[in-house]
Amino acid sequence: AEVEPALMDRTLTMNGVSKAYAMTGWRIG
C-alpha cells in the first residue's frame, strides 16, 4: 500500500510485536 496508495482501500496491512520485539508469548497482532 506504500508502493501503490491506490490499493489502500482494498488492502489489510497486518503486523505485530512478536518477532521484532521478542514478544511471541504476549500474543499481540
PDB file of all heavy atoms in Angstrom:
ATOM      1  N   ALA A   1       0.828  -1.212   0.000  1.00  0.00           N
ATOM      2  CA  ALA A   1       0.000   0.000   0.000  1.00  0.00           C
ATOM      3  C   ALA A   1       0.858   1.257   0.000  1.00  0.00           C
ATOM      4  O   ALA A   1       0.386   2.326  -0.408  1.00  0.00           O
ATOM      5  CB  ALA A   1      -0.941  -0.007   1.201  1.00  0.00           C
ATOM      6  N   GLU A   2       2.080   1.149   0.466  1.00  0.00           N
ATOM      7  CA  GLU A   2       3.027   2.258   0.411  1.00  0.00           C
ATOM      8  C   GLU A   2       3.485   2.484  -1.026  1.00  0.00           C
ATOM      9  O   GLU A   2       3.597   3.630  -1.490  1.00  0.00           O
ATOM     10  CB  GLU A   2       4.227   1.951   1.306  1.00  0.00           C
ATOM     11  CG  GLU A   2       5.349   2.968   1.269  1.00  0.00           C
ATOM     12  CD  GLU A   2       6.547   2.522   2.083  1.00  0.00           C
ATOM     13  OE1 GLU A   2       6.623   1.340   2.459  1.00  0.00           O
ATOM     14  OE2 GLU A   2       7.426   3.369   2.340  1.00  0.00           O
ATOM     15  N   VAL A   3       3.736   1.395  -1.738  1.00  0.00           N
ATOM     16  CA  VAL A   3       4.191   1.483  -3.126  1.00  0.00           C
ATOM     17  C   VAL A   3       3.083   2.005  -4.029  1.00  0.00           C
ATOM     18  O   VAL A   3       3.329   2.809  -4.938  1.00  0.00           O
ATOM     19  CB  VAL A   3       4.683   0.100  -3.601  1.00  0.00           C
ATOM     20  CG1 VAL A   3       4.981   0.103  -5.098  1.00  0.00           C
ATOM     21  CG2 VAL A   3       5.923  -0.313  -2.808  1.00  0.00           C
ATOM     22  N   GLU A   4       1.848   1.554  -3.783  1.00  0.00           N
ATOM     23  CA  GLU A   4       0.709   1.988  -4.602  1.00  0.00           C
ATOM     24  C   GLU A   4      -0.444   2.413  -3.684  1.00  0.00           C
ATOM     25  O   GLU A   4      -1.277   1.595  -3.284  1.00  0.00           O
ATOM     26  CB  GLU A   4       0.263   0.866  -5.549  1.00  0.00           C
ATOM     27  CG  GLU A   4      -0.938   1.233  -6.413  1.00  0.00           C
ATOM     28  CD  GLU A   4      -0.797   2.597  -7.078  1.00  0.00           C
ATOM     29  OE1 GLU A   4      -0.095   2.686  -8.092  1.00  0.00           O
ATOM     30  OE2 GLU A   4      -1.382   3.582  -6.552  1.00  0.00           O
ATOM     31  N   PRO A   5      -0.509   3.703  -3.332  1.00  0.00           N
ATOM     32  CA  PRO A   5      -1.565   4.187  -2.432  1.00  0.00           C
ATOM     33  C   PRO A   5      -2.980   3.911  -2.923  1.00  0.00           C
ATOM     34  O   PRO A   5      -3.911   3.826  -2.110  1.00  0.00           O
ATOM     35  CB  PRO A   5      -1.280   5.688  -2.342  1.00  0.00           C
ATOM     36  CG  PRO A   5       0.193   5.809  -2.619  1.00  0.00           C
ATOM     37  CD  PRO A   5       0.480   4.762  -3.636  1.00  0.00           C
ATOM     38  N   ALA A   6      -3.161   3.763  -4.238  1.00  0.00           N
ATOM     39  CA  ALA A   6      -4.496   3.478  -4.757  1.00  0.00           C
ATOM     40  C   ALA A   6      -5.032   2.128  -4.279  1.00  0.00           C
ATOM     41  O   ALA A   6      -6.239   1.884  -4.361  1.00  0.00           O
ATOM     42  CB  ALA A   6      -4.474   3.510  -6.289  1.00  0.00           C
ATOM     43  N   LEU A   7      -4.148   1.269  -3.758  1.00  0.00           N
ATOM     44  CA  LEU A   7      -4.581  -0.030  -3.249  1.00  0.00           C
ATOM     45  C   LEU A   7      -4.997   0.014  -1.778  1.00  0.00           C
ATOM     46  O   LEU A   7      -5.474  -0.989  -1.248  1.00  0.00           O
ATOM     47  CB  LEU A   7      -3.460  -1.065  -3.421  1.00  0.00           C
ATOM     48  CG  LEU A   7      -3.098  -1.449  -4.859  1.00  0.00           C
ATOM     49  CD1 LEU A   7      -1.909  -2.401  -4.866  1.00  0.00           C
ATOM     50  CD2 LEU A   7      -4.290  -2.078  -5.582  1.00  0.00           C
ATOM     51  N   MET A   8      -4.815   1.145  -1.107  1.00  0.00           N
ATOM     52  CA  MET A   8      -5.112   1.199   0.330  1.00  0.00           C
ATOM     53  C   MET A   8      -6.557   0.852   0.646  1.00  0.00           C
ATOM     54  O   MET A   8      -6.841   0.254   1.682  1.00  0.00           O
ATOM     55  CB  MET A   8      -4.782   2.583   0.905  1.00  0.00           C
ATOM     56  CG  MET A   8      -3.324   2.757   1.262  1.00  0.00           C
ATOM     57  SD  MET A   8      -2.988   4.298   2.146  1.00  0.00           S
ATOM     58  CE  MET A   8      -3.817   4.022   3.720  1.00  0.00           C
ATOM     59  N   ASP A   9      -7.470   1.207  -0.240  1.00  0.00           N
ATOM     60  CA  ASP A   9      -8.887   0.954   0.005  1.00  0.00           C
ATOM     61  C   ASP A   9      -9.248  -0.520  -0.117  1.00  0.00           C
ATOM     62  O   ASP A   9     -10.389  -0.899   0.182  1.00  0.00           O
ATOM     63  CB  ASP A   9      -9.750   1.776  -0.952  1.00  0.00           C
ATOM     64  CG  ASP A   9      -9.764   3.244  -0.582  1.00  0.00           C
ATOM     65  OD1 ASP A   9      -9.390   3.571   0.565  1.00  0.00           O
ATOM     66  OD2 ASP A   9     -10.139   4.064  -1.440  1.00  0.00           O
ATOM     67  N   ARG A  10      -8.316  -1.349  -0.552  1.00  0.00           N
ATOM     68  CA  ARG A  10      -8.553  -2.793  -0.595  1.00  0.00           C
ATOM     69  C   ARG A  10      -7.319  -3.576  -0.147  1.00  0.00           C
ATOM     70  O   ARG A  10      -6.982  -4.610  -0.715  1.00  0.00           O
ATOM     71  CB  ARG A  10      -9.029  -3.251  -1.979  1.00  0.00           C
ATOM     72  CG  ARG A  10      -8.224  -2.759  -3.164  1.00  0.00           C
ATOM     73  CD  ARG A  10      -8.956  -3.105  -4.451  1.00  0.00           C
ATOM     74  NE  ARG A  10      -8.341  -2.552  -5.627  1.00  0.00           N
ATOM     75  CZ  ARG A  10      -7.624  -3.264  -6.510  1.00  0.00           C
ATOM     76  NH1 ARG A  10      -7.440  -4.555  -6.344  1.00  0.00           N
ATOM     77  NH2 ARG A  10      -7.118  -2.681  -7.578  1.00  0.00           N
ATOM     78  N   THR A  11      -6.689  -3.045   0.891  1.00  0.00           N
ATOM     79  CA  THR A  11      -5.538  -3.719   1.495  1.00  0.00           C
ATOM     80  C   THR A  11      -5.691  -3.749   3.009  1.00  0.00           C
ATOM     81  O   THR A  11      -6.050  -2.745   3.619  1.00  0.00           O
ATOM     82  CB  THR A  11      -4.219  -2.992   1.149  1.00  0.00           C
ATOM     83  OG1 THR A  11      -4.022  -3.017  -0.269  1.00  0.00           O
ATOM     84  CG2 THR A  11      -3.023  -3.653   1.826  1.00  0.00           C
ATOM     85  N   LEU A  12      -5.425  -4.907   3.601  1.00  0.00           N
ATOM     86  CA  LEU A  12      -5.295  -5.025   5.046  1.00  0.00           C
ATOM     87  C   LEU A  12      -3.814  -5.244   5.334  1.00  0.00           C
ATOM     88  O   LEU A  12      -3.230  -6.243   4.906  1.00  0.00           O
ATOM     89  CB  LEU A  12      -6.111  -6.197   5.592  1.00  0.00           C
ATOM     90  CG  LEU A  12      -6.084  -6.338   7.116  1.00  0.00           C
ATOM     91  CD1 LEU A  12      -6.862  -5.197   7.778  1.00  0.00           C
ATOM     92  CD2 LEU A  12      -6.646  -7.693   7.561  1.00  0.00           C
ATOM     93  N   THR A  13      -3.208  -4.285   6.027  1.00  0.00           N
ATOM     94  CA  THR A  13      -1.792  -4.360   6.357  1.00  0.00           C
ATOM     95  C   THR A  13      -1.661  -4.873   7.786  1.00  0.00           C
ATOM     96  O   THR A  13      -2.043  -4.198   8.733  1.00  0.00           O
ATOM     97  CB  THR A  13      -1.119  -2.982   6.217  1.00  0.00           C
ATOM     98  OG1 THR A  13      -1.319  -2.503   4.885  1.00  0.00           O
ATOM     99  CG2 THR A  13       0.376  -3.082   6.489  1.00  0.00           C
ATOM    100  N   MET A  14      -1.111  -6.093   7.927  1.00  0.00           N
ATOM    101  CA  MET A  14      -1.029  -6.757   9.225  1.00  0.00           C
ATOM    102  C   MET A  14       0.409  -6.761   9.734  1.00  0.00           C
ATOM    103  O   MET A  14       1.348  -6.894   8.955  1.00  0.00           O
ATOM    104  CB  MET A  14      -1.548  -8.189   9.120  1.00  0.00           C
ATOM    105  CG  MET A  14      -1.744  -8.892  10.473  1.00  0.00           C
ATOM    106  SD  MET A  14      -0.235  -9.605  11.153  1.00  0.00           S
ATOM    107  CE  MET A  14      -0.077 -11.074  10.159  1.00  0.00           C
ATOM    108  N   ASN A  15       0.573  -6.631  11.034  1.00  0.00           N
ATOM    109  CA  ASN A  15       1.885  -6.655  11.658  1.00  0.00           C
ATOM    110  C   ASN A  15       1.698  -7.110  13.105  1.00  0.00           C
ATOM    111  O   ASN A  15       0.619  -7.554  13.486  1.00  0.00           O
ATOM    112  CB  ASN A  15       2.548  -5.272  11.575  1.00  0.00           C
ATOM    113  CG  ASN A  15       4.051  -5.342  11.473  1.00  0.00           C
ATOM    114  OD1 ASN A  15       4.700  -6.037  12.251  1.00  0.00           O
ATOM    115  ND2 ASN A  15       4.619  -4.616  10.520  1.00  0.00           N
ATOM    116  N   GLY A  16       2.726  -6.980  13.916  1.00  0.00           N
ATOM    117  CA  GLY A  16       2.619  -7.378  15.310  1.00  0.00           C
ATOM    118  C   GLY A  16       3.926  -7.152  16.036  1.00  0.00           C
ATOM    119  O   GLY A  16       4.908  -6.701  15.444  1.00  0.00           O
ATOM    120  N   VAL A  17       3.926  -7.475  17.301  1.00  0.00           N
ATOM    121  CA  VAL A  17       5.111  -7.234  18.135  1.00  0.00           C
ATOM    122  C   VAL A  17       5.923  -8.504  18.379  1.00  0.00           C
ATOM    123  O   VAL A  17       6.975  -8.444  19.017  1.00  0.00           O
ATOM    124  CB  VAL A  17       4.708  -6.593  19.480  1.00  0.00           C
ATOM    125  CG1 VAL A  17       4.046  -5.248  19.265  1.00  0.00           C
ATOM    126  CG2 VAL A  17       3.790  -7.515  20.279  1.00  0.00           C
ATOM    127  N   SER A  18       5.472  -9.627  17.870  1.00  0.00           N
ATOM    128  CA  SER A  18       6.069 -10.915  18.231  1.00  0.00           C
ATOM    129  C   SER A  18       7.537 -11.028  17.870  1.00  0.00           C
ATOM    130  O   SER A  18       8.366 -11.414  18.710  1.00  0.00           O
ATOM    131  CB  SER A  18       5.301 -12.055  17.561  1.00  0.00           C
ATOM    132  OG  SER A  18       3.985 -12.115  18.033  1.00  0.00           O
ATOM    133  N   LYS A  19       7.885 -10.737  16.629  1.00  0.00           N
ATOM    134  CA  LYS A  19       9.217 -11.076  16.127  1.00  0.00           C
ATOM    135  C   LYS A  19      10.247  -9.993  16.437  1.00  0.00           C
ATOM    136  O   LYS A  19      11.296 -10.266  17.025  1.00  0.00           O
ATOM    137  CB  LYS A  19       9.152 -11.340  14.623  1.00  0.00           C
ATOM    138  CG  LYS A  19       8.035 -12.273  14.183  1.00  0.00           C
ATOM    139  CD  LYS A  19       8.107 -13.656  14.829  1.00  0.00           C
ATOM    140  CE  LYS A  19       6.988 -14.554  14.296  1.00  0.00           C
ATOM    141  NZ  LYS A  19       7.009 -15.906  14.835  1.00  0.00           N
ATOM    142  N   ALA A  20       9.973  -8.762  16.039  1.00  0.00           N
ATOM    143  CA  ALA A  20      10.963  -7.697  16.217  1.00  0.00           C
ATOM    144  C   ALA A  20      11.207  -7.378  17.683  1.00  0.00           C
ATOM    145  O   ALA A  20      12.321  -7.007  18.068  1.00  0.00           O
ATOM    146  CB  ALA A  20      10.523  -6.438  15.478  1.00  0.00           C
ATOM    147  N   TYR A  21      10.180  -7.520  18.514  1.00  0.00           N
ATOM    148  CA  TYR A  21      10.281  -7.139  19.919  1.00  0.00           C
ATOM    149  C   TYR A  21      10.402  -8.341  20.854  1.00  0.00           C
ATOM    150  O   TYR A  21      10.347  -8.173  22.071  1.00  0.00           O
ATOM    151  CB  TYR A  21       9.076  -6.278  20.314  1.00  0.00           C
ATOM    152  CG  TYR A  21       8.982  -5.017  19.491  1.00  0.00           C
ATOM    153  CD1 TYR A  21       8.127  -4.932  18.398  1.00  0.00           C
ATOM    154  CD2 TYR A  21       9.786  -3.918  19.781  1.00  0.00           C
ATOM    155  CE1 TYR A  21       8.060  -3.784  17.622  1.00  0.00           C
ATOM    156  CE2 TYR A  21       9.723  -2.768  19.012  1.00  0.00           C
ATOM    157  CZ  TYR A  21       8.858  -2.703  17.929  1.00  0.00           C
ATOM    158  OH  TYR A  21       8.812  -1.566  17.169  1.00  0.00           O
ATOM    159  N   ALA A  22      10.584  -9.549  20.275  1.00  0.00           N
ATOM    160  CA  ALA A  22      10.726 -10.768  21.076  1.00  0.00           C
ATOM    161  C   ALA A  22       9.580 -10.910  22.071  1.00  0.00           C
ATOM    162  O   ALA A  22       9.771 -11.118  23.263  1.00  0.00           O
ATOM    163  CB  ALA A  22      12.074 -10.785  21.795  1.00  0.00           C
ATOM    164  N   MET A  23       8.349 -10.788  21.557  1.00  0.00           N
ATOM    165  CA  MET A  23       7.152 -10.815  22.403  1.00  0.00           C
ATOM    166  C   MET A  23       6.168 -11.889  21.943  1.00  0.00           C
ATOM    167  O   MET A  23       4.949 -11.696  21.994  1.00  0.00           O
ATOM    168  CB  MET A  23       6.473  -9.435  22.400  1.00  0.00           C
ATOM    169  CG  MET A  23       7.297  -8.332  23.036  1.00  0.00           C
ATOM    170  SD  MET A  23       6.504  -6.702  22.889  1.00  0.00           S
ATOM    171  CE  MET A  23       5.054  -6.929  23.935  1.00  0.00           C
ATOM    172  N   THR A  24       6.678 -13.026  21.507  1.00  0.00           N
ATOM    173  CA  THR A  24       5.787 -14.057  20.964  1.00  0.00           C
ATOM    174  C   THR A  24       4.705 -14.476  21.967  1.00  0.00           C
ATOM    175  O   THR A  24       3.550 -14.650  21.601  1.00  0.00           O
ATOM    176  CB  THR A  24       6.603 -15.286  20.538  1.00  0.00           C
ATOM    177  OG1 THR A  24       7.490 -15.663  21.599  1.00  0.00           O
ATOM    178  CG2 THR A  24       7.425 -14.980  19.299  1.00  0.00           C
ATOM    179  N   GLY A  25       5.082 -14.627  23.232  1.00  0.00           N
ATOM    180  CA  GLY A  25       4.116 -15.093  24.223  1.00  0.00           C
ATOM    181  C   GLY A  25       3.125 -14.047  24.695  1.00  0.00           C
ATOM    182  O   GLY A  25       2.156 -14.373  25.382  1.00  0.00           O
ATOM    183  N   TRP A  26       3.350 -12.796  24.324  1.00  0.00           N
ATOM    184  CA  TRP A  26       2.427 -11.736  24.733  1.00  0.00           C
ATOM    185  C   TRP A  26       1.157 -11.751  23.876  1.00  0.00           C
ATOM    186  O   TRP A  26       0.133 -11.197  24.281  1.00  0.00           O
ATOM    187  CB  TRP A  26       3.099 -10.364  24.623  1.00  0.00           C
ATOM    188  CG  TRP A  26       4.295 -10.211  25.507  1.00  0.00           C
ATOM    189  CD1 TRP A  26       5.550 -10.718  25.294  1.00  0.00           C
ATOM    190  CD2 TRP A  26       4.362  -9.485  26.744  1.00  0.00           C
ATOM    191  NE1 TRP A  26       6.388 -10.356  26.322  1.00  0.00           N
ATOM    192  CE2 TRP A  26       5.685  -9.597  27.228  1.00  0.00           C
ATOM    193  CE3 TRP A  26       3.435  -8.747  27.475  1.00  0.00           C
ATOM    194  CZ2 TRP A  26       6.111  -9.005  28.414  1.00  0.00           C
ATOM    195  CZ3 TRP A  26       3.856  -8.156  28.660  1.00  0.00           C
ATOM    196  CH2 TRP A  26       5.178  -8.286  29.118  1.00  0.00           C
ATOM    197  N   ARG A  27       1.250 -12.345  22.700  1.00  0.00           N
ATOM    198  CA  ARG A  27       0.110 -12.569  21.804  1.00  0.00           C
ATOM    199  C   ARG A  27      -0.594 -11.275  21.412  1.00  0.00           C
ATOM    200  O   ARG A  27      -1.785 -11.082  21.672  1.00  0.00           O
ATOM    201  CB  ARG A  27      -0.906 -13.549  22.421  1.00  0.00           C
ATOM    202  CG  ARG A  27      -0.339 -14.865  22.919  1.00  0.00           C
ATOM    203  CD  ARG A  27       0.538 -15.585  21.896  1.00  0.00           C
ATOM    204  NE  ARG A  27      -0.161 -15.854  20.653  1.00  0.00           N
ATOM    205  CZ  ARG A  27       0.360 -15.606  19.448  1.00  0.00           C
ATOM    206  NH1 ARG A  27       1.564 -15.058  19.309  1.00  0.00           N
ATOM    207  NH2 ARG A  27      -0.324 -15.883  18.368  1.00  0.00           N
ATOM    208  N   ILE A  28       0.146 -10.393  20.741  1.00  0.00           N
ATOM    209  CA  ILE A  28      -0.452  -9.168  20.215  1.00  0.00           C
ATOM    210  C   ILE A  28      -0.101  -9.025  18.736  1.00  0.00           C
ATOM    211  O   ILE A  28       1.073  -8.948  18.351  1.00  0.00           O
ATOM    212  CB  ILE A  28       0.033  -7.912  20.977  1.00  0.00           C
ATOM    213  CG1 ILE A  28      -0.434  -7.954  22.431  1.00  0.00           C
ATOM    214  CG2 ILE A  28      -0.469  -6.638  20.287  1.00  0.00           C
ATOM    215  CD1 ILE A  28      -1.934  -7.816  22.627  1.00  0.00           C
ATOM    216  N   GLY A  29      -1.132  -9.019  17.904  1.00  0.00           N
ATOM    217  CA  GLY A  29      -1.004  -8.676  16.498  1.00  0.00           C
ATOM    218  C   GLY A  29      -1.913  -7.498  16.215  1.00  0.00           C
ATOM    219  O   GLY A  29      -2.815  -7.187  17.005  1.00  0.00           O
TER     220      GLY A  29
END
